[in-house]
Amino acid sequence: MRFEPTEVTGAFRVTPEPRRDDRGHFARVWCERQFADAGIDVRWRQANTGFSHTRLTLRGIHFQREPHQEAKLVRCTRGRVLDVGVDLRPSSATYRRWTSVELDPDNATMLFIPAGCGHAYLTIEDDSEIMYLTSAEYVPEAASGARWDDPAFAIDWPLRPTVISAQDAAWGDWRTSAEGGIE
């Protein structure tokens, strides 16, 4: 696997290196030792999948507050998505910066998002599905979010979402509702 640092401290574009033959290919998508060698020490606690029927569906920006913060490793298994990680750690040198990676089954690229960061994704094709691992179990009382178009982050979404949940559209302004981050 190749690990490429992104604009967010601790976030990596992770690209499997498949072995191909006339049957197709085989690739490793998780190896504790390889991740540790890249400086990522994580224990996965939960695996999730997300599916959206419609192109331009936006989910996020989601995160969990302490002590339930979660790292994520996200891969697209069907369709195509723009996956986004936002640094919400006030002590980080990249606080309020974001990174994005286009994910699809053909490129097999994944995005590793460290604990303390928010996560969002925008479907680029109909019938898109992601699979992701988290380092913490989901705790409804710790779940929170930030508005996808909050000027505090200035995310450069290449396409405007047309489907978004009422909850995701209603998150308050980061600077007034959550300043100080999630540490």
N, C-alpha and C. Protein backbone atom coordinates (compact mmCIF):
# COMPACT_ATOMS: atom_id res chain seq x y z
N MET A 1 0.84 -1.18 0.00
CA MET A 1 0.00 0.00 0.00
C MET A 1 0.88 1.24 0.00
N ARG A 2 0.38 2.26 -0.67
CA ARG A 2 1.06 3.55 -0.66
C ARG A 2 0.27 4.50 0.24
N PHE A 3 1.00 5.27 1.05
CA PHE A 3 0.40 6.24 1.97
C PHE A 3 0.89 7.62 1.56
N GLU A 4 -0.04 8.48 1.14
CA GLU A 4 0.31 9.84 0.73
C GLU A 4 -0.31 10.82 1.72
N PRO A 5 0.52 11.65 2.39
CA PRO A 5 -0.04 12.66 3.29
C PRO A 5 -0.95 13.62 2.52
N THR A 6 -1.95 14.17 3.21
CA THR A 6 -2.86 15.12 2.60
C THR A 6 -2.67 16.49 3.25
N GLU A 7 -3.57 17.41 2.96
CA GLU A 7 -3.51 18.76 3.52
C GLU A 7 -3.85 18.80 5.00
N VAL A 8 -4.39 17.71 5.54
CA VAL A 8 -4.76 17.63 6.95
C VAL A 8 -3.76 16.74 7.68
N THR A 9 -3.17 17.26 8.74
CA THR A 9 -2.20 16.50 9.51
C THR A 9 -2.79 15.17 9.96
N GLY A 10 -2.11 14.08 9.64
CA GLY A 10 -2.54 12.75 10.06
C GLY A 10 -3.50 12.06 9.12
N ALA A 11 -4.00 12.76 8.11
CA ALA A 11 -4.90 12.16 7.11
C ALA A 11 -4.06 11.70 5.92
N PHE A 12 -4.41 10.54 5.37
CA PHE A 12 -3.64 9.97 4.27
C PHE A 12 -4.56 9.44 3.18
N ARG A 13 -4.10 9.62 1.95
CA ARG A 13 -4.66 8.90 0.81
C ARG A 13 -3.95 7.56 0.82
N VAL A 14 -4.70 6.47 0.89
CA VAL A 14 -4.14 5.13 0.97
C VAL A 14 -4.51 4.39 -0.31
N THR A 15 -3.51 3.95 -1.04
CA THR A 15 -3.76 3.27 -2.31
C THR A 15 -3.23 1.85 -2.26
N PRO A 16 -4.13 0.87 -2.36
CA PRO A 16 -3.69 -0.52 -2.42
C PRO A 16 -2.87 -0.76 -3.69
N GLU A 17 -2.01 -1.75 -3.64
CA GLU A 17 -1.21 -2.11 -4.80
C GLU A 17 -1.60 -3.52 -5.23
N PRO A 18 -2.60 -3.61 -6.12
CA PRO A 18 -3.14 -4.92 -6.47
C PRO A 18 -2.17 -5.78 -7.26
N ARG A 19 -2.31 -7.08 -7.06
CA ARG A 19 -1.61 -8.07 -7.87
C ARG A 19 -2.63 -8.55 -8.90
N ARG A 20 -2.27 -8.40 -10.16
CA ARG A 20 -3.20 -8.71 -11.24
C ARG A 20 -2.76 -9.95 -12.02
N ASP A 21 -3.75 -10.69 -12.50
CA ASP A 21 -3.49 -11.77 -13.43
C ASP A 21 -4.76 -11.94 -14.29
N ASP A 22 -4.83 -13.00 -15.07
CA ASP A 22 -5.96 -13.17 -15.98
C ASP A 22 -7.28 -13.38 -15.27
N ARG A 23 -7.28 -13.67 -13.99
CA ARG A 23 -8.51 -13.83 -13.21
C ARG A 23 -9.05 -12.50 -12.69
N GLY A 24 -8.20 -11.48 -12.61
CA GLY A 24 -8.58 -10.20 -12.04
C GLY A 24 -7.47 -9.67 -11.16
N HIS A 25 -7.78 -9.30 -9.92
CA HIS A 25 -6.74 -8.80 -9.02
C HIS A 25 -7.07 -9.13 -7.57
N PHE A 26 -6.06 -9.00 -6.75
CA PHE A 26 -6.16 -9.17 -5.30
C PHE A 26 -5.36 -8.05 -4.68
N ALA A 27 -5.93 -7.39 -3.66
CA ALA A 27 -5.23 -6.28 -3.01
C ALA A 27 -5.51 -6.29 -1.52
N ARG A 28 -4.52 -5.95 -0.76
CA ARG A 28 -4.66 -5.78 0.68
C ARG A 28 -5.17 -4.36 0.93
N VAL A 29 -6.21 -4.23 1.76
CA VAL A 29 -6.74 -2.90 2.10
C VAL A 29 -6.51 -2.56 3.56
N TRP A 30 -6.07 -3.53 4.35
CA TRP A 30 -5.73 -3.24 5.75
C TRP A 30 -4.63 -4.19 6.16
N CYS A 31 -3.60 -3.63 6.76
CA CYS A 31 -2.52 -4.41 7.35
C CYS A 31 -1.99 -3.58 8.52
N GLU A 32 -2.16 -4.09 9.72
CA GLU A 32 -1.77 -3.34 10.92
C GLU A 32 -0.33 -2.88 10.86
N ARG A 33 0.57 -3.75 10.42
CA ARG A 33 1.99 -3.40 10.36
C ARG A 33 2.25 -2.28 9.35
N GLN A 34 1.65 -2.37 8.15
CA GLN A 34 1.88 -1.33 7.15
C GLN A 34 1.33 0.02 7.61
N PHE A 35 0.18 0.02 8.26
CA PHE A 35 -0.36 1.27 8.77
C PHE A 35 0.54 1.81 9.88
N ALA A 36 1.01 0.94 10.76
CA ALA A 36 1.91 1.38 11.84
C ALA A 36 3.20 1.94 11.26
N ASP A 37 3.72 1.31 10.21
CA ASP A 37 4.93 1.82 9.57
C ASP A 37 4.71 3.21 8.98
N ALA A 38 3.46 3.53 8.62
CA ALA A 38 3.12 4.85 8.09
C ALA A 38 2.78 5.84 9.21
N GLY A 39 2.90 5.40 10.47
CA GLY A 39 2.63 6.28 11.60
C GLY A 39 1.18 6.27 12.04
N ILE A 40 0.41 5.29 11.58
CA ILE A 40 -1.01 5.20 11.92
C ILE A 40 -1.21 4.01 12.85
N ASP A 41 -1.45 4.30 14.11
CA ASP A 41 -1.67 3.25 15.11
C ASP A 41 -3.15 3.29 15.49
N VAL A 42 -3.92 2.35 14.95
CA VAL A 42 -5.36 2.38 15.15
C VAL A 42 -5.88 0.96 15.34
N ARG A 43 -6.91 0.85 16.16
CA ARG A 43 -7.60 -0.42 16.34
C ARG A 43 -9.04 -0.20 15.88
N TRP A 44 -9.47 -0.97 14.90
CA TRP A 44 -10.81 -0.80 14.36
C TRP A 44 -11.84 -1.46 15.26
N ARG A 45 -12.95 -0.75 15.51
CA ARG A 45 -14.00 -1.23 16.41
C ARG A 45 -15.33 -1.50 15.70
N GLN A 46 -15.52 -0.88 14.53
CA GLN A 46 -16.82 -1.01 13.86
C GLN A 46 -16.61 -0.86 12.36
N ALA A 47 -17.41 -1.57 11.58
CA ALA A 47 -17.42 -1.43 10.12
C ALA A 47 -18.82 -0.98 9.71
N ASN A 48 -18.88 -0.01 8.81
CA ASN A 48 -20.16 0.56 8.37
C ASN A 48 -20.21 0.64 6.86
N THR A 49 -21.41 0.72 6.36
CA THR A 49 -21.61 0.95 4.93
C THR A 49 -22.65 2.05 4.78
N GLY A 50 -22.50 2.84 3.75
CA GLY A 50 -23.47 3.89 3.46
C GLY A 50 -23.83 3.82 1.99
N PHE A 51 -25.11 3.95 1.66
CA PHE A 51 -25.57 3.86 0.28
C PHE A 51 -26.48 5.04 -0.02
N SER A 52 -26.32 5.62 -1.19
CA SER A 52 -27.19 6.71 -1.63
C SER A 52 -27.66 6.41 -3.04
N HIS A 53 -28.97 6.51 -3.26
CA HIS A 53 -29.55 6.25 -4.57
C HIS A 53 -29.20 7.32 -5.59
N THR A 54 -29.14 8.56 -5.12
CA THR A 54 -29.12 9.69 -6.03
C THR A 54 -27.78 10.41 -6.08
N ARG A 55 -27.36 10.73 -7.28
CA ARG A 55 -26.17 11.55 -7.50
C ARG A 55 -26.36 12.88 -6.78
N LEU A 56 -25.28 13.43 -6.27
CA LEU A 56 -25.23 14.72 -5.58
C LEU A 56 -25.93 14.68 -4.21
N THR A 57 -25.93 13.50 -3.60
CA THR A 57 -26.37 13.38 -2.21
C THR A 57 -25.18 13.69 -1.32
N LEU A 58 -25.40 14.56 -0.34
CA LEU A 58 -24.33 14.93 0.58
C LEU A 58 -24.65 14.37 1.97
N ARG A 59 -23.64 13.78 2.60
CA ARG A 59 -23.76 13.31 3.98
C ARG A 59 -22.61 13.92 4.78
N GLY A 60 -22.94 14.56 5.90
CA GLY A 60 -21.90 15.14 6.74
C GLY A 60 -21.99 16.65 6.75
N ILE A 61 -21.13 17.22 7.49
CA ILE A 61 -19.88 16.81 8.10
C ILE A 61 -20.19 16.20 9.47
N HIS A 62 -19.83 14.94 9.69
CA HIS A 62 -20.15 14.23 10.93
C HIS A 62 -18.89 13.96 11.74
N PHE A 63 -19.08 13.92 13.05
CA PHE A 63 -17.99 13.54 13.97
C PHE A 63 -18.61 13.15 15.30
N GLN A 64 -17.80 12.56 16.17
CA GLN A 64 -18.22 12.26 17.53
C GLN A 64 -17.33 13.04 18.50
N ARG A 65 -17.96 13.56 19.54
CA ARG A 65 -17.22 14.30 20.57
C ARG A 65 -16.52 13.34 21.53
N GLU A 66 -15.49 13.87 22.23
CA GLU A 66 -14.76 13.08 23.24
C GLU A 66 -15.73 12.51 24.26
N PRO A 67 -15.45 11.37 24.77
CA PRO A 67 -14.28 10.52 24.54
C PRO A 67 -14.51 9.50 23.43
N HIS A 68 -15.42 9.80 22.51
CA HIS A 68 -15.81 8.84 21.48
C HIS A 68 -15.32 9.23 20.08
N GLN A 69 -14.31 10.07 20.01
CA GLN A 69 -13.78 10.47 18.70
C GLN A 69 -13.35 9.24 17.93
N GLU A 70 -13.45 9.31 16.61
CA GLU A 70 -13.17 8.13 15.81
C GLU A 70 -12.33 8.46 14.59
N ALA A 71 -11.34 7.63 14.36
CA ALA A 71 -10.63 7.64 13.09
C ALA A 71 -11.47 6.83 12.11
N LYS A 72 -11.33 7.11 10.82
CA LYS A 72 -12.08 6.38 9.79
C LYS A 72 -11.16 6.02 8.64
N LEU A 73 -11.44 4.88 8.04
CA LEU A 73 -10.80 4.46 6.79
C LEU A 73 -11.93 4.19 5.82
N VAL A 74 -12.04 5.03 4.78
CA VAL A 74 -13.20 5.04 3.89
C VAL A 74 -12.81 4.55 2.50
N ARG A 75 -13.65 3.67 1.95
CA ARG A 75 -13.45 3.15 0.60
C ARG A 75 -14.80 3.12 -0.12
N CYS A 76 -14.81 3.45 -1.40
CA CYS A 76 -16.03 3.39 -2.21
C CYS A 76 -16.10 2.01 -2.86
N THR A 77 -17.22 1.32 -2.67
CA THR A 77 -17.38 -0.02 -3.22
C THR A 77 -18.30 -0.07 -4.43
N ARG A 78 -19.00 1.04 -4.69
CA ARG A 78 -19.92 1.12 -5.83
C ARG A 78 -20.14 2.57 -6.17
N GLY A 79 -20.19 2.92 -7.44
CA GLY A 79 -20.41 4.30 -7.84
C GLY A 79 -19.16 5.13 -7.72
N ARG A 80 -19.33 6.39 -7.30
CA ARG A 80 -18.20 7.31 -7.16
C ARG A 80 -18.59 8.39 -6.18
N VAL A 81 -17.66 8.74 -5.27
CA VAL A 81 -17.92 9.76 -4.26
C VAL A 81 -16.70 10.68 -4.12
N LEU A 82 -16.97 11.89 -3.66
CA LEU A 82 -15.92 12.79 -3.21
C LEU A 82 -15.93 12.70 -1.69
N ASP A 83 -14.86 12.17 -1.11
CA ASP A 83 -14.77 11.97 0.33
C ASP A 83 -13.97 13.12 0.92
N VAL A 84 -14.44 13.68 2.04
CA VAL A 84 -13.85 14.88 2.62
C VAL A 84 -13.58 14.68 4.11
N GLY A 85 -12.38 15.05 4.54
CA GLY A 85 -12.03 15.10 5.95
C GLY A 85 -11.73 16.53 6.35
N VAL A 86 -12.25 16.98 7.49
CA VAL A 86 -12.07 18.35 7.97
C VAL A 86 -11.41 18.30 9.35
N ASP A 87 -10.32 19.02 9.51
CA ASP A 87 -9.60 19.04 10.78
C ASP A 87 -10.34 19.92 11.78
N LEU A 88 -10.85 19.29 12.84
CA LEU A 88 -11.60 20.01 13.88
C LEU A 88 -10.84 20.07 15.20
N ARG A 89 -9.53 19.82 15.14
CA ARG A 89 -8.69 19.80 16.35
C ARG A 89 -8.01 21.15 16.53
N PRO A 90 -8.43 21.96 17.52
CA PRO A 90 -7.85 23.30 17.70
C PRO A 90 -6.33 23.30 17.87
N SER A 91 -5.77 22.24 18.43
CA SER A 91 -4.33 22.20 18.64
C SER A 91 -3.55 21.77 17.40
N SER A 92 -4.23 21.42 16.34
CA SER A 92 -3.58 20.95 15.12
C SER A 92 -3.08 22.12 14.27
N ALA A 93 -1.96 21.93 13.63
CA ALA A 93 -1.42 22.96 12.72
C ALA A 93 -2.33 23.16 11.50
N THR A 94 -3.21 22.18 11.24
CA THR A 94 -4.10 22.29 10.08
C THR A 94 -5.57 22.46 10.51
N TYR A 95 -5.78 22.98 11.70
CA TYR A 95 -7.13 23.21 12.21
C TYR A 95 -7.99 23.96 11.18
N ARG A 96 -9.18 23.45 10.92
CA ARG A 96 -10.18 23.97 9.99
C ARG A 96 -9.80 23.80 8.53
N ARG A 97 -8.69 23.14 8.24
CA ARG A 97 -8.39 22.80 6.84
C ARG A 97 -9.09 21.51 6.49
N TRP A 98 -9.21 21.27 5.20
CA TRP A 98 -9.90 20.08 4.73
C TRP A 98 -9.08 19.42 3.62
N THR A 99 -9.40 18.17 3.39
CA THR A 99 -8.81 17.42 2.30
C THR A 99 -9.92 16.64 1.63
N SER A 100 -9.76 16.36 0.35
CA SER A 100 -10.76 15.55 -0.35
C SER A 100 -10.06 14.59 -1.30
N VAL A 101 -10.70 13.46 -1.50
CA VAL A 101 -10.19 12.43 -2.41
C VAL A 101 -11.39 11.85 -3.13
N GLU A 102 -11.30 11.73 -4.45
CA GLU A 102 -12.35 11.06 -5.19
C GLU A 102 -12.12 9.55 -5.08
N LEU A 103 -13.16 8.85 -4.64
CA LEU A 103 -13.07 7.41 -4.43
C LEU A 103 -14.02 6.69 -5.38
N ASP A 104 -13.55 5.59 -5.95
CA ASP A 104 -14.41 4.71 -6.73
C ASP A 104 -13.81 3.31 -6.71
N PRO A 105 -14.59 2.29 -7.05
CA PRO A 105 -14.08 0.93 -6.97
C PRO A 105 -12.89 0.67 -7.89
N ASP A 106 -12.81 1.37 -9.00
CA ASP A 106 -11.71 1.13 -9.95
C ASP A 106 -10.38 1.64 -9.42
N ASN A 107 -10.37 2.83 -8.81
CA ASN A 107 -9.08 3.32 -8.30
C ASN A 107 -8.74 2.71 -6.94
N ALA A 108 -9.73 2.17 -6.25
CA ALA A 108 -9.56 1.47 -4.96
C ALA A 108 -8.88 2.31 -3.88
N THR A 109 -8.68 3.58 -4.14
CA THR A 109 -8.07 4.47 -3.16
C THR A 109 -8.98 4.62 -1.96
N MET A 110 -8.37 4.81 -0.80
CA MET A 110 -9.11 5.01 0.45
C MET A 110 -8.63 6.32 1.07
N LEU A 111 -9.44 6.86 1.98
CA LEU A 111 -9.04 8.03 2.74
C LEU A 111 -9.02 7.64 4.21
N PHE A 112 -7.86 7.83 4.84
CA PHE A 112 -7.75 7.66 6.29
C PHE A 112 -7.92 9.03 6.92
N ILE A 113 -8.91 9.13 7.82
CA ILE A 113 -9.22 10.38 8.51
C ILE A 113 -8.94 10.16 9.99
N PRO A 114 -8.03 10.94 10.60
CA PRO A 114 -7.70 10.70 12.01
C PRO A 114 -8.81 11.14 12.95
N ALA A 115 -8.78 10.60 14.16
CA ALA A 115 -9.72 11.01 15.21
C ALA A 115 -9.59 12.51 15.43
N GLY A 116 -10.72 13.15 15.68
CA GLY A 116 -10.73 14.59 15.87
C GLY A 116 -11.07 15.36 14.61
N CYS A 117 -11.30 14.64 13.53
CA CYS A 117 -11.66 15.27 12.27
C CYS A 117 -13.10 14.92 11.92
N GLY A 118 -13.73 15.80 11.15
CA GLY A 118 -15.07 15.54 10.65
C GLY A 118 -14.99 14.82 9.31
N HIS A 119 -16.10 14.18 8.93
CA HIS A 119 -16.16 13.43 7.69
C HIS A 119 -17.44 13.75 6.94
N ALA A 120 -17.30 13.92 5.63
CA ALA A 120 -18.45 14.13 4.75
C ALA A 120 -18.15 13.49 3.41
N TYR A 121 -19.22 13.20 2.67
CA TYR A 121 -19.00 12.76 1.29
C TYR A 121 -20.17 13.17 0.43
N LEU A 122 -19.85 13.37 -0.85
CA LEU A 122 -20.81 13.77 -1.86
C LEU A 122 -20.80 12.72 -2.95
N THR A 123 -21.97 12.16 -3.26
CA THR A 123 -22.02 11.16 -4.32
C THR A 123 -21.90 11.86 -5.68
N ILE A 124 -21.10 11.28 -6.54
CA ILE A 124 -20.90 11.84 -7.88
C ILE A 124 -21.68 11.03 -8.91
N GLU A 125 -22.06 9.81 -8.55
CA GLU A 125 -22.87 8.96 -9.41
C GLU A 125 -24.06 8.43 -8.63
N ASP A 126 -25.13 8.09 -9.33
CA ASP A 126 -26.25 7.39 -8.71
C ASP A 126 -25.77 6.07 -8.13
N ASP A 127 -26.51 5.57 -7.15
CA ASP A 127 -26.26 4.25 -6.56
C ASP A 127 -24.81 4.10 -6.10
N SER A 128 -24.38 5.02 -5.27
CA SER A 128 -23.01 4.99 -4.73
C SER A 128 -23.02 4.42 -3.32
N GLU A 129 -21.98 3.65 -3.02
CA GLU A 129 -21.87 3.00 -1.72
C GLU A 129 -20.45 3.14 -1.19
N ILE A 130 -20.35 3.42 0.10
CA ILE A 130 -19.04 3.43 0.75
C ILE A 130 -19.04 2.37 1.85
N MET A 131 -17.84 1.93 2.17
CA MET A 131 -17.60 1.02 3.29
C MET A 131 -16.52 1.69 4.11
N TYR A 132 -16.71 1.76 5.44
CA TYR A 132 -15.67 2.38 6.24
C TYR A 132 -15.54 1.73 7.60
N LEU A 133 -14.31 1.76 8.09
CA LEU A 133 -13.98 1.27 9.42
C LEU A 133 -13.88 2.46 10.35
N THR A 134 -14.27 2.26 11.61
CA THR A 134 -14.13 3.32 12.61
C THR A 134 -13.40 2.77 13.83
N SER A 135 -12.67 3.64 14.49
CA SER A 135 -11.90 3.26 15.67
C SER A 135 -12.71 3.35 16.96
N ALA A 136 -13.96 3.78 16.87
CA ALA A 136 -14.85 3.87 18.03
C ALA A 136 -16.24 3.45 17.59
N GLU A 137 -16.98 2.87 18.50
CA GLU A 137 -18.37 2.54 18.20
C GLU A 137 -19.20 3.81 18.14
N TYR A 138 -20.28 3.76 17.39
CA TYR A 138 -21.19 4.89 17.29
C TYR A 138 -21.91 5.07 18.63
N VAL A 139 -21.88 6.29 19.13
CA VAL A 139 -22.56 6.65 20.37
C VAL A 139 -23.47 7.83 20.04
N PRO A 140 -24.80 7.61 19.97
CA PRO A 140 -25.71 8.68 19.55
C PRO A 140 -25.56 9.98 20.34
N GLU A 141 -25.30 9.89 21.65
CA GLU A 141 -25.17 11.09 22.47
C GLU A 141 -23.91 11.90 22.13
N ALA A 142 -22.92 11.27 21.51
CA ALA A 142 -21.68 11.95 21.16
C ALA A 142 -21.67 12.44 19.72
N ALA A 143 -22.67 12.04 18.95
CA ALA A 143 -22.73 12.40 17.53
C ALA A 143 -22.99 13.89 17.36
N SER A 144 -22.27 14.49 16.42
CA SER A 144 -22.45 15.91 16.15
C SER A 144 -22.09 16.17 14.70
N GLY A 145 -22.14 17.44 14.33
CA GLY A 145 -21.84 17.77 12.94
C GLY A 145 -21.54 19.23 12.75
N ALA A 146 -21.12 19.51 11.54
CA ALA A 146 -20.85 20.88 11.11
C ALA A 146 -21.49 21.05 9.74
N ARG A 147 -21.87 22.25 9.42
CA ARG A 147 -22.55 22.52 8.15
C ARG A 147 -21.60 22.33 6.97
N TRP A 148 -22.06 21.66 5.96
CA TRP A 148 -21.25 21.32 4.78
C TRP A 148 -20.69 22.55 4.06
N ASP A 149 -21.40 23.67 4.14
CA ASP A 149 -20.97 24.88 3.43
C ASP A 149 -20.53 25.99 4.39
N ASP A 150 -20.11 25.62 5.59
CA ASP A 150 -19.70 26.60 6.59
C ASP A 150 -18.47 27.37 6.09
N PRO A 151 -18.52 28.71 6.13
CA PRO A 151 -17.37 29.50 5.67
C PRO A 151 -16.13 29.32 6.53
N ALA A 152 -16.26 28.78 7.73
CA ALA A 152 -15.09 28.53 8.57
C ALA A 152 -14.15 27.51 7.93
N PHE A 153 -14.69 26.66 7.06
CA PHE A 153 -13.89 25.64 6.39
C PHE A 153 -13.65 25.96 4.92
N ALA A 154 -14.58 26.64 4.28
CA ALA A 154 -14.47 27.02 2.86
C ALA A 154 -14.13 25.82 1.98
N ILE A 155 -14.87 24.74 2.16
CA ILE A 155 -14.65 23.55 1.33
C ILE A 155 -15.04 23.87 -0.10
N ASP A 156 -14.17 23.52 -1.02
CA ASP A 156 -14.40 23.77 -2.44
C ASP A 156 -15.10 22.54 -3.04
N TRP A 157 -16.41 22.47 -2.85
CA TRP A 157 -17.18 21.37 -3.41
C TRP A 157 -17.27 21.58 -4.92
N PRO A 158 -16.88 20.61 -5.73
CA PRO A 158 -16.89 20.80 -7.18
C PRO A 158 -18.29 20.82 -7.77
N LEU A 159 -19.26 20.25 -7.04
CA LEU A 159 -20.65 20.21 -7.47
C LEU A 159 -21.52 20.56 -6.26
N ARG A 160 -22.64 21.20 -6.51
CA ARG A 160 -23.54 21.57 -5.42
C ARG A 160 -24.48 20.40 -5.11
N PRO A 161 -24.60 20.02 -3.83
CA PRO A 161 -25.50 18.93 -3.48
C PRO A 161 -26.96 19.28 -3.78
N THR A 162 -27.72 18.27 -4.17
CA THR A 162 -29.16 18.46 -4.39
C THR A 162 -29.99 17.69 -3.37
N VAL A 163 -29.36 16.72 -2.69
CA VAL A 163 -30.03 15.95 -1.66
C VAL A 163 -29.19 16.05 -0.39
N ILE A 164 -29.81 16.53 0.68
CA ILE A 164 -29.13 16.67 1.97
C ILE A 164 -30.18 16.54 3.06
N SER A 165 -29.85 15.87 4.13
CA SER A 165 -30.83 15.69 5.21
C SER A 165 -31.10 17.02 5.90
N ALA A 166 -32.27 17.11 6.52
CA ALA A 166 -32.61 18.32 7.28
C ALA A 166 -31.59 18.54 8.40
N GLN A 167 -31.16 17.48 9.05
CA GLN A 167 -30.18 17.60 10.13
C GLN A 167 -28.86 18.16 9.60
N ASP A 168 -28.37 17.61 8.49
CA ASP A 168 -27.09 18.09 7.96
C ASP A 168 -27.18 19.53 7.46
N ALA A 169 -28.32 19.93 6.96
CA ALA A 169 -28.49 21.31 6.48
C ALA A 169 -28.63 22.30 7.62
N ALA A 170 -28.99 21.80 8.82
CA ALA A 170 -29.31 22.70 9.94
C ALA A 170 -28.17 22.92 10.93
N TRP A 171 -27.03 22.27 10.76
CA TRP A 171 -25.94 22.50 11.72
C TRP A 171 -25.62 23.99 11.75
N GLY A 172 -25.31 24.51 12.93
CA GLY A 172 -25.02 25.93 13.10
C GLY A 172 -23.66 26.32 12.56
N ASP A 173 -23.39 27.61 12.64
CA ASP A 173 -22.10 28.14 12.22
C ASP A 173 -21.02 27.64 13.17
N TRP A 174 -19.94 27.08 12.64
CA TRP A 174 -18.88 26.48 13.46
C TRP A 174 -18.29 27.48 14.45
N ARG A 175 -18.07 28.69 14.03
CA ARG A 175 -17.41 29.67 14.90
C ARG A 175 -18.27 30.06 16.09
N THR A 176 -19.58 30.00 15.97
CA THR A 176 -20.42 30.38 17.10
C THR A 176 -20.96 29.17 17.87
N SER A 177 -21.11 28.02 17.19
CA SER A 177 -21.72 26.89 17.87
C SER A 177 -20.69 25.89 18.42
N ALA A 178 -19.49 25.88 17.86
CA ALA A 178 -18.56 24.85 18.29
C ALA A 178 -17.12 25.33 18.33
N GLU A 179 -16.90 26.62 18.34
CA GLU A 179 -15.51 27.12 18.35
C GLU A 179 -14.74 26.47 19.47
N GLY A 180 -13.52 26.14 19.19
CA GLY A 180 -12.72 25.41 20.16
C GLY A 180 -12.57 23.98 19.73
N GLY A 181 -13.31 23.56 18.72
CA GLY A 181 -13.13 22.23 18.18
C GLY A 181 -13.72 21.14 19.03
N ILE A 182 -13.23 19.93 18.81
CA ILE A 182 -13.83 18.77 19.46
C ILE A 182 -12.84 18.05 20.36
N GLU A 183 -11.73 18.66 20.68
CA GLU A 183 -10.77 18.00 21.58
C GLU A 183 -11.20 18.11 23.02
